[in-house]
Amino acid sequence: MLRTDLPEQDARVWTCFCPWSDKMSDKPVFLTHLIGGGIDKIFTSPTWQDAQDKHRRVSEKARRVLPLTPLPGDEDVH
């Protein structure tokens, strides 16, 4: 399993093997799940190598496009 936490965006990406088959191909698949910033999306990959690449690409894109979330202690004090 791969997991990337994106605390600046309050998001998380994880990738794992799914033992249930894909309905289209009847083969097991790997799932990459992005959750955060109002997004809850799952991507599928046919191989572990493809899943690792998809995990990296989804993580990088989420880091670039999801809005930043203030961390505790970052609030402006007036």
PDB file of N, CA and C in Angstrom:
ATOM      1  N   MET A   1       0.842  -1.181   0.000  1.00  0.00           N
ATOM      2  CA  MET A   1       0.000   0.000   0.000  1.00  0.00           C
ATOM      3  C   MET A   1       0.885   1.242   0.000  1.00  0.00           C
ATOM      4  N   LEU A   2       0.456   2.233  -0.726  1.00  0.00           N
ATOM      5  CA  LEU A   2       1.106   3.546  -0.733  1.00  0.00           C
ATOM      6  C   LEU A   2       0.156   4.541  -0.098  1.00  0.00           C
ATOM      7  N   ARG A   3       0.734   5.505   0.619  1.00  0.00           N
ATOM      8  CA  ARG A   3      -0.092   6.560   1.207  1.00  0.00           C
ATOM      9  C   ARG A   3       0.705   7.861   1.186  1.00  0.00           C
ATOM     10  N   THR A   4       0.055   8.911   0.737  1.00  0.00           N
ATOM     11  CA  THR A   4       0.639  10.244   0.744  1.00  0.00           C
ATOM     12  C   THR A   4      -0.337  11.175   1.440  1.00  0.00           C
ATOM     13  N   ASP A   5       0.097  11.760   2.544  1.00  0.00           N
ATOM     14  CA  ASP A   5      -0.710  12.752   3.250  1.00  0.00           C
ATOM     15  C   ASP A   5      -0.332  14.127   2.742  1.00  0.00           C
ATOM     16  N   LEU A   6      -1.335  14.934   2.494  1.00  0.00           N
ATOM     17  CA  LEU A   6      -1.142  16.314   2.040  1.00  0.00           C
ATOM     18  C   LEU A   6      -1.778  17.244   3.061  1.00  0.00           C
ATOM     19  N   PRO A   7      -1.108  17.477   4.198  1.00  0.00           N
ATOM     20  CA  PRO A   7      -1.726  18.273   5.264  1.00  0.00           C
ATOM     21  C   PRO A   7      -2.015  19.717   4.848  1.00  0.00           C
ATOM     22  N   GLU A   8      -1.214  20.259   3.919  1.00  0.00           N
ATOM     23  CA  GLU A   8      -1.438  21.642   3.491  1.00  0.00           C
ATOM     24  C   GLU A   8      -2.774  21.789   2.768  1.00  0.00           C
ATOM     25  N   GLN A   9      -3.252  20.684   2.153  1.00  0.00           N
ATOM     26  CA  GLN A   9      -4.524  20.704   1.443  1.00  0.00           C
ATOM     27  C   GLN A   9      -5.601  19.927   2.198  1.00  0.00           C
ATOM     28  N   ASP A  10      -5.270  19.409   3.367  1.00  0.00           N
ATOM     29  CA  ASP A  10      -6.175  18.557   4.144  1.00  0.00           C
ATOM     30  C   ASP A  10      -6.692  17.423   3.261  1.00  0.00           C
ATOM     31  N   ALA A  11      -5.752  16.738   2.593  1.00  0.00           N
ATOM     32  CA  ALA A  11      -6.099  15.681   1.649  1.00  0.00           C
ATOM     33  C   ALA A  11      -5.198  14.472   1.866  1.00  0.00           C
ATOM     34  N   ARG A  12      -5.597  13.358   1.252  1.00  0.00           N
ATOM     35  CA  ARG A  12      -4.841  12.121   1.376  1.00  0.00           C
ATOM     36  C   ARG A  12      -5.015  11.318   0.093  1.00  0.00           C
ATOM     37  N   VAL A  13      -3.936  10.669  -0.323  1.00  0.00           N
ATOM     38  CA  VAL A  13      -3.973   9.769  -1.469  1.00  0.00           C
ATOM     39  C   VAL A  13      -3.438   8.427  -0.997  1.00  0.00           C
ATOM     40  N   TRP A  14      -4.163   7.355  -1.291  1.00  0.00           N
ATOM     41  CA  TRP A  14      -3.627   6.035  -0.987  1.00  0.00           C
ATOM     42  C   TRP A  14      -3.952   5.086  -2.120  1.00  0.00           C
ATOM     43  N   THR A  15      -3.060   4.111  -2.286  1.00  0.00           N
ATOM     44  CA  THR A  15      -3.176   3.141  -3.366  1.00  0.00           C
ATOM     45  C   THR A  15      -3.013   1.753  -2.783  1.00  0.00           C
ATOM     46  N   CYS A  16      -3.889   0.845  -3.205  1.00  0.00           N
ATOM     47  CA  CYS A  16      -3.818  -0.518  -2.691  1.00  0.00           C
ATOM     48  C   CYS A  16      -4.382  -1.501  -3.718  1.00  0.00           C
ATOM     49  N   PHE A  17      -4.093  -2.761  -3.479  1.00  0.00           N
ATOM     50  CA  PHE A  17      -4.623  -3.837  -4.306  1.00  0.00           C
ATOM     51  C   PHE A  17      -6.073  -4.095  -3.929  1.00  0.00           C
ATOM     52  N   CYS A  18      -6.917  -4.280  -4.916  1.00  0.00           N
ATOM     53  CA  CYS A  18      -8.319  -4.632  -4.676  1.00  0.00           C
ATOM     54  C   CYS A  18      -8.514  -6.078  -5.129  1.00  0.00           C
ATOM     55  N   PRO A  19      -8.830  -6.985  -4.222  1.00  0.00           N
ATOM     56  CA  PRO A  19      -8.948  -8.396  -4.604  1.00  0.00           C
ATOM     57  C   PRO A  19     -10.174  -8.705  -5.459  1.00  0.00           C
ATOM     58  N   TRP A  20     -11.120  -7.799  -5.526  1.00  0.00           N
ATOM     59  CA  TRP A  20     -12.301  -8.016  -6.356  1.00  0.00           C
ATOM     60  C   TRP A  20     -11.990  -7.610  -7.781  1.00  0.00           C
ATOM     61  N   SER A  21     -12.539  -8.295  -8.724  1.00  0.00           N
ATOM     62  CA  SER A  21     -12.210  -8.053 -10.122  1.00  0.00           C
ATOM     63  C   SER A  21     -12.922  -6.825 -10.665  1.00  0.00           C
ATOM     64  N   ASP A  22     -12.286  -6.255 -11.681  1.00  0.00           N
ATOM     65  CA  ASP A  22     -12.867  -5.158 -12.443  1.00  0.00           C
ATOM     66  C   ASP A  22     -13.998  -5.746 -13.294  1.00  0.00           C
ATOM     67  N   LYS A  23     -15.155  -5.140 -13.276  1.00  0.00           N
ATOM     68  CA  LYS A  23     -16.320  -5.675 -13.994  1.00  0.00           C
ATOM     69  C   LYS A  23     -16.091  -5.751 -15.501  1.00  0.00           C
ATOM     70  N   MET A  24     -15.288  -4.847 -16.029  1.00  0.00           N
ATOM     71  CA  MET A  24     -15.061  -4.823 -17.478  1.00  0.00           C
ATOM     72  C   MET A  24     -14.108  -5.937 -17.923  1.00  0.00           C
ATOM     73  N   SER A  25     -13.026  -6.137 -17.191  1.00  0.00           N
ATOM     74  CA  SER A  25     -12.011  -7.092 -17.636  1.00  0.00           C
ATOM     75  C   SER A  25     -12.010  -8.388 -16.841  1.00  0.00           C
ATOM     76  N   ASP A  26     -12.743  -8.427 -15.728  1.00  0.00           N
ATOM     77  CA  ASP A  26     -12.783  -9.593 -14.838  1.00  0.00           C
ATOM     78  C   ASP A  26     -11.403  -9.918 -14.275  1.00  0.00           C
ATOM     79  N   LYS A  27     -10.553  -8.883 -14.109  1.00  0.00           N
ATOM     80  CA  LYS A  27      -9.227  -9.053 -13.519  1.00  0.00           C
ATOM     81  C   LYS A  27      -9.134  -8.183 -12.274  1.00  0.00           C
ATOM     82  N   PRO A  28      -8.355  -8.624 -11.275  1.00  0.00           N
ATOM     83  CA  PRO A  28      -8.144  -7.765 -10.098  1.00  0.00           C
ATOM     84  C   PRO A  28      -7.512  -6.438 -10.513  1.00  0.00           C
ATOM     85  N   VAL A  29      -7.749  -5.414  -9.723  1.00  0.00           N
ATOM     86  CA  VAL A  29      -7.231  -4.080 -10.038  1.00  0.00           C
ATOM     87  C   VAL A  29      -6.576  -3.468  -8.806  1.00  0.00           C
ATOM     88  N   PHE A  30      -5.852  -2.405  -9.050  1.00  0.00           N
ATOM     89  CA  PHE A  30      -5.281  -1.575  -7.992  1.00  0.00           C
ATOM     90  C   PHE A  30      -6.066  -0.274  -7.966  1.00  0.00           C
ATOM     91  N   LEU A  31      -6.357   0.206  -6.772  1.00  0.00           N
ATOM     92  CA  LEU A  31      -7.157   1.414  -6.606  1.00  0.00           C
ATOM     93  C   LEU A  31      -6.299   2.530  -6.024  1.00  0.00           C
ATOM     94  N   THR A  32      -6.434   3.713  -6.585  1.00  0.00           N
ATOM     95  CA  THR A  32      -5.827   4.923  -6.036  1.00  0.00           C
ATOM     96  C   THR A  32      -6.972   5.832  -5.635  1.00  0.00           C
ATOM     97  N   HIS A  33      -7.005   6.203  -4.354  1.00  0.00           N
ATOM     98  CA  HIS A  33      -8.126   6.969  -3.795  1.00  0.00           C
ATOM     99  C   HIS A  33      -7.614   8.337  -3.355  1.00  0.00           C
ATOM    100  N   LEU A  34      -8.240   9.382  -3.859  1.00  0.00           N
ATOM    101  CA  LEU A  34      -7.958  10.763  -3.457  1.00  0.00           C
ATOM    102  C   LEU A  34      -9.155  11.268  -2.680  1.00  0.00           C
ATOM    103  N   ILE A  35      -8.898  11.754  -1.482  1.00  0.00           N
ATOM    104  CA  ILE A  35      -9.970  12.349  -0.683  1.00  0.00           C
ATOM    105  C   ILE A  35      -9.446  13.633  -0.044  1.00  0.00           C
ATOM    106  N   GLY A  36     -10.228  14.691  -0.163  1.00  0.00           N
ATOM    107  CA  GLY A  36      -9.859  15.977   0.421  1.00  0.00           C
ATOM    108  C   GLY A  36     -10.245  17.111  -0.501  1.00  0.00           C
ATOM    109  N   GLY A  37     -10.410  18.286   0.080  1.00  0.00           N
ATOM    110  CA  GLY A  37     -10.754  19.458  -0.718  1.00  0.00           C
ATOM    111  C   GLY A  37     -12.078  19.305  -1.439  1.00  0.00           C
ATOM    112  N   GLY A  38     -13.012  18.562  -0.841  1.00  0.00           N
ATOM    113  CA  GLY A  38     -14.306  18.354  -1.472  1.00  0.00           C
ATOM    114  C   GLY A  38     -14.296  17.287  -2.558  1.00  0.00           C
ATOM    115  N   ILE A  39     -13.165  16.586  -2.712  1.00  0.00           N
ATOM    116  CA  ILE A  39     -13.041  15.551  -3.739  1.00  0.00           C
ATOM    117  C   ILE A  39     -12.958  14.183  -3.074  1.00  0.00           C
ATOM    118  N   ASP A  40     -13.650  13.224  -3.624  1.00  0.00           N
ATOM    119  CA  ASP A  40     -13.581  11.831  -3.188  1.00  0.00           C
ATOM    120  C   ASP A  40     -13.624  11.006  -4.470  1.00  0.00           C
ATOM    121  N   LYS A  41     -12.441  10.668  -4.995  1.00  0.00           N
ATOM    122  CA  LYS A  41     -12.370  10.044  -6.313  1.00  0.00           C
ATOM    123  C   LYS A  41     -11.462   8.823  -6.269  1.00  0.00           C
ATOM    124  N   ILE A  42     -11.854   7.786  -7.018  1.00  0.00           N
ATOM    125  CA  ILE A  42     -11.073   6.558  -7.101  1.00  0.00           C
ATOM    126  C   ILE A  42     -10.661   6.330  -8.550  1.00  0.00           C
ATOM    127  N   PHE A  43      -9.376   5.996  -8.722  1.00  0.00           N
ATOM    128  CA  PHE A  43      -8.816   5.689 -10.033  1.00  0.00           C
ATOM    129  C   PHE A  43      -8.383   4.224 -10.017  1.00  0.00           C
ATOM    130  N   THR A  44      -8.492   3.535 -11.129  1.00  0.00           N
ATOM    131  CA  THR A  44      -8.077   2.138 -11.193  1.00  0.00           C
ATOM    132  C   THR A  44      -6.852   1.987 -12.088  1.00  0.00           C
ATOM    133  N   SER A  45      -6.079   0.940 -11.806  1.00  0.00           N
ATOM    134  CA  SER A  45      -4.896   0.600 -12.599  1.00  0.00           C
ATOM    135  C   SER A  45      -4.826  -0.917 -12.714  1.00  0.00           C
ATOM    136  N   PRO A  46      -4.368  -1.417 -13.861  1.00  0.00           N
ATOM    137  CA  PRO A  46      -4.328  -2.864 -14.049  1.00  0.00           C
ATOM    138  C   PRO A  46      -3.116  -3.554 -13.416  1.00  0.00           C
ATOM    139  N   THR A  47      -2.034  -2.802 -13.184  1.00  0.00           N
ATOM    140  CA  THR A  47      -0.814  -3.401 -12.619  1.00  0.00           C
ATOM    141  C   THR A  47      -0.294  -2.537 -11.477  1.00  0.00           C
ATOM    142  N   TRP A  48       0.562  -3.131 -10.643  1.00  0.00           N
ATOM    143  CA  TRP A  48       1.161  -2.393  -9.532  1.00  0.00           C
ATOM    144  C   TRP A  48       2.042  -1.269 -10.057  1.00  0.00           C
ATOM    145  N   GLN A  49       2.764  -1.505 -11.133  1.00  0.00           N
ATOM    146  CA  GLN A  49       3.608  -0.444 -11.705  1.00  0.00           C
ATOM    147  C   GLN A  49       2.750   0.738 -12.160  1.00  0.00           C
ATOM    148  N   ASP A  50       1.659   0.457 -12.845  1.00  0.00           N
ATOM    149  CA  ASP A  50       0.755   1.532 -13.268  1.00  0.00           C
ATOM    150  C   ASP A  50       0.161   2.249 -12.062  1.00  0.00           C
ATOM    151  N   ALA A  51      -0.172   1.483 -11.031  1.00  0.00           N
ATOM    152  CA  ALA A  51      -0.762   2.071  -9.826  1.00  0.00           C
ATOM    153  C   ALA A  51       0.230   2.988  -9.120  1.00  0.00           C
ATOM    154  N   GLN A  52       1.494   2.598  -9.064  1.00  0.00           N
ATOM    155  CA  GLN A  52       2.510   3.455  -8.440  1.00  0.00           C
ATOM    156  C   GLN A  52       2.657   4.762  -9.201  1.00  0.00           C
ATOM    157  N   ASP A  53       2.664   4.689 -10.520  1.00  0.00           N
ATOM    158  CA  ASP A  53       2.760   5.895 -11.339  1.00  0.00           C
ATOM    159  C   ASP A  53       1.519   6.764 -11.164  1.00  0.00           C
ATOM    160  N   LYS A  54       0.334   6.151 -11.152  1.00  0.00           N
ATOM    161  CA  LYS A  54      -0.897   6.917 -10.968  1.00  0.00           C
ATOM    162  C   LYS A  54      -0.907   7.593  -9.601  1.00  0.00           C
ATOM    163  N   HIS A  55      -0.452   6.884  -8.563  1.00  0.00           N
ATOM    164  CA  HIS A  55      -0.387   7.445  -7.210  1.00  0.00           C
ATOM    165  C   HIS A  55       0.486   8.706  -7.210  1.00  0.00           C
ATOM    166  N   ARG A  56       1.644   8.594  -7.829  1.00  0.00           N
ATOM    167  CA  ARG A  56       2.558   9.745  -7.888  1.00  0.00           C
ATOM    168  C   ARG A  56       1.908  10.915  -8.622  1.00  0.00           C
ATOM    169  N   ARG A  57       1.283  10.642  -9.772  1.00  0.00           N
ATOM    170  CA  ARG A  57       0.676  11.717 -10.564  1.00  0.00           C
ATOM    171  C   ARG A  57      -0.520  12.353  -9.860  1.00  0.00           C
ATOM    172  N   VAL A  58      -1.363  11.536  -9.234  1.00  0.00           N
ATOM    173  CA  VAL A  58      -2.522  12.073  -8.498  1.00  0.00           C
ATOM    174  C   VAL A  58      -2.045  12.914  -7.318  1.00  0.00           C
ATOM    175  N   SER A  59      -1.038  12.440  -6.597  1.00  0.00           N
ATOM    176  CA  SER A  59      -0.503  13.189  -5.448  1.00  0.00           C
ATOM    177  C   SER A  59       0.064  14.536  -5.883  1.00  0.00           C
ATOM    178  N   GLU A  60       0.840  14.523  -6.961  1.00  0.00           N
ATOM    179  CA  GLU A  60       1.439  15.768  -7.453  1.00  0.00           C
ATOM    180  C   GLU A  60       0.364  16.752  -7.913  1.00  0.00           C
ATOM    181  N   LYS A  61      -0.625  16.267  -8.636  1.00  0.00           N
ATOM    182  CA  LYS A  61      -1.679  17.171  -9.111  1.00  0.00           C
ATOM    183  C   LYS A  61      -2.500  17.714  -7.945  1.00  0.00           C
ATOM    184  N   ALA A  62      -2.826  16.863  -6.980  1.00  0.00           N
ATOM    185  CA  ALA A  62      -3.586  17.328  -5.810  1.00  0.00           C
ATOM    186  C   ALA A  62      -2.806  18.413  -5.075  1.00  0.00           C
ATOM    187  N   ARG A  63      -1.503  18.223  -4.938  1.00  0.00           N
ATOM    188  CA  ARG A  63      -0.663  19.213  -4.260  1.00  0.00           C
ATOM    189  C   ARG A  63      -0.694  20.551  -5.000  1.00  0.00           C
ATOM    190  N   ARG A  64      -0.758  20.488  -6.342  1.00  0.00           N
ATOM    191  CA  ARG A  64      -0.751  21.718  -7.156  1.00  0.00           C
ATOM    192  C   ARG A  64      -2.099  22.416  -7.193  1.00  0.00           C
ATOM    193  N   VAL A  65      -3.202  21.667  -7.265  1.00  0.00           N
ATOM    194  CA  VAL A  65      -4.486  22.306  -7.570  1.00  0.00           C
ATOM    195  C   VAL A  65      -5.458  22.430  -6.398  1.00  0.00           C
ATOM    196  N   LEU A  66      -5.319  21.598  -5.374  1.00  0.00           N
ATOM    197  CA  LEU A  66      -6.243  21.726  -4.241  1.00  0.00           C
ATOM    198  C   LEU A  66      -5.914  22.969  -3.426  1.00  0.00           C
ATOM    199  N   PRO A  67      -6.921  23.652  -2.903  1.00  0.00           N
ATOM    200  CA  PRO A  67      -6.656  24.852  -2.102  1.00  0.00           C
ATOM    201  C   PRO A  67      -5.928  24.502  -0.814  1.00  0.00           C
ATOM    202  N   LEU A  68      -5.102  25.439  -0.382  1.00  0.00           N
ATOM    203  CA  LEU A  68      -4.388  25.262   0.878  1.00  0.00           C
ATOM    204  C   LEU A  68      -5.337  25.414   2.051  1.00  0.00           C
ATOM    205  N   THR A  69      -5.110  24.634   3.085  1.00  0.00           N
ATOM    206  CA  THR A  69      -5.900  24.680   4.308  1.00  0.00           C
ATOM    207  C   THR A  69      -5.011  25.198   5.422  1.00  0.00           C
ATOM    208  N   PRO A  70      -5.442  26.224   6.157  1.00  0.00           N
ATOM    209  CA  PRO A  70      -4.600  26.722   7.257  1.00  0.00           C
ATOM    210  C   PRO A  70      -4.365  25.615   8.291  1.00  0.00           C
ATOM    211  N   LEU A  71      -3.135  25.499   8.732  1.00  0.00           N
ATOM    212  CA  LEU A  71      -2.793  24.547   9.783  1.00  0.00           C
ATOM    213  C   LEU A  71      -3.039  25.186  11.145  1.00  0.00           C
ATOM    214  N   PRO A  72      -3.278  24.381  12.178  1.00  0.00           N
ATOM    215  CA  PRO A  72      -3.452  24.959  13.517  1.00  0.00           C
ATOM    216  C   PRO A  72      -2.264  25.824  13.890  1.00  0.00           C
ATOM    217  N   GLY A  73      -2.541  26.984  14.398  1.00  0.00           N
ATOM    218  CA  GLY A  73      -1.485  27.915  14.780  1.00  0.00           C
ATOM    219  C   GLY A  73      -1.148  28.908  13.689  1.00  0.00           C
ATOM    220  N   ASP A  74      -1.715  28.735  12.499  1.00  0.00           N
ATOM    221  CA  ASP A  74      -1.432  29.639  11.378  1.00  0.00           C
ATOM    222  C   ASP A  74      -2.423  30.806  11.311  1.00  0.00           C
ATOM    223  N   GLU A  75      -3.399  30.835  12.223  1.00  0.00           N
ATOM    224  CA  GLU A  75      -4.392  31.888  12.176  1.00  0.00           C
ATOM    225  C   GLU A  75      -3.752  33.239  12.470  1.00  0.00           C
ATOM    226  N   ASP A  76      -4.286  34.263  11.813  1.00  0.00           N
ATOM    227  CA  ASP A  76      -3.820  35.629  12.095  1.00  0.00           C
ATOM    228  C   ASP A  76      -4.323  36.049  13.451  1.00  0.00           C
ATOM    229  N   VAL A  77      -3.445  36.599  14.255  1.00  0.00           N
ATOM    230  CA  VAL A  77      -3.834  37.099  15.581  1.00  0.00           C
ATOM    231  C   VAL A  77      -3.888  38.612  15.490  1.00  0.00           C
ATOM    232  N   HIS A  78      -5.030  39.183  15.780  1.00  0.00           N
ATOM    233  CA  HIS A  78      -5.185  40.651  15.696  1.00  0.00           C
ATOM    234  C   HIS A  78      -5.266  41.242  17.086  1.00  0.00           C
TER     235      HIS A  78
END
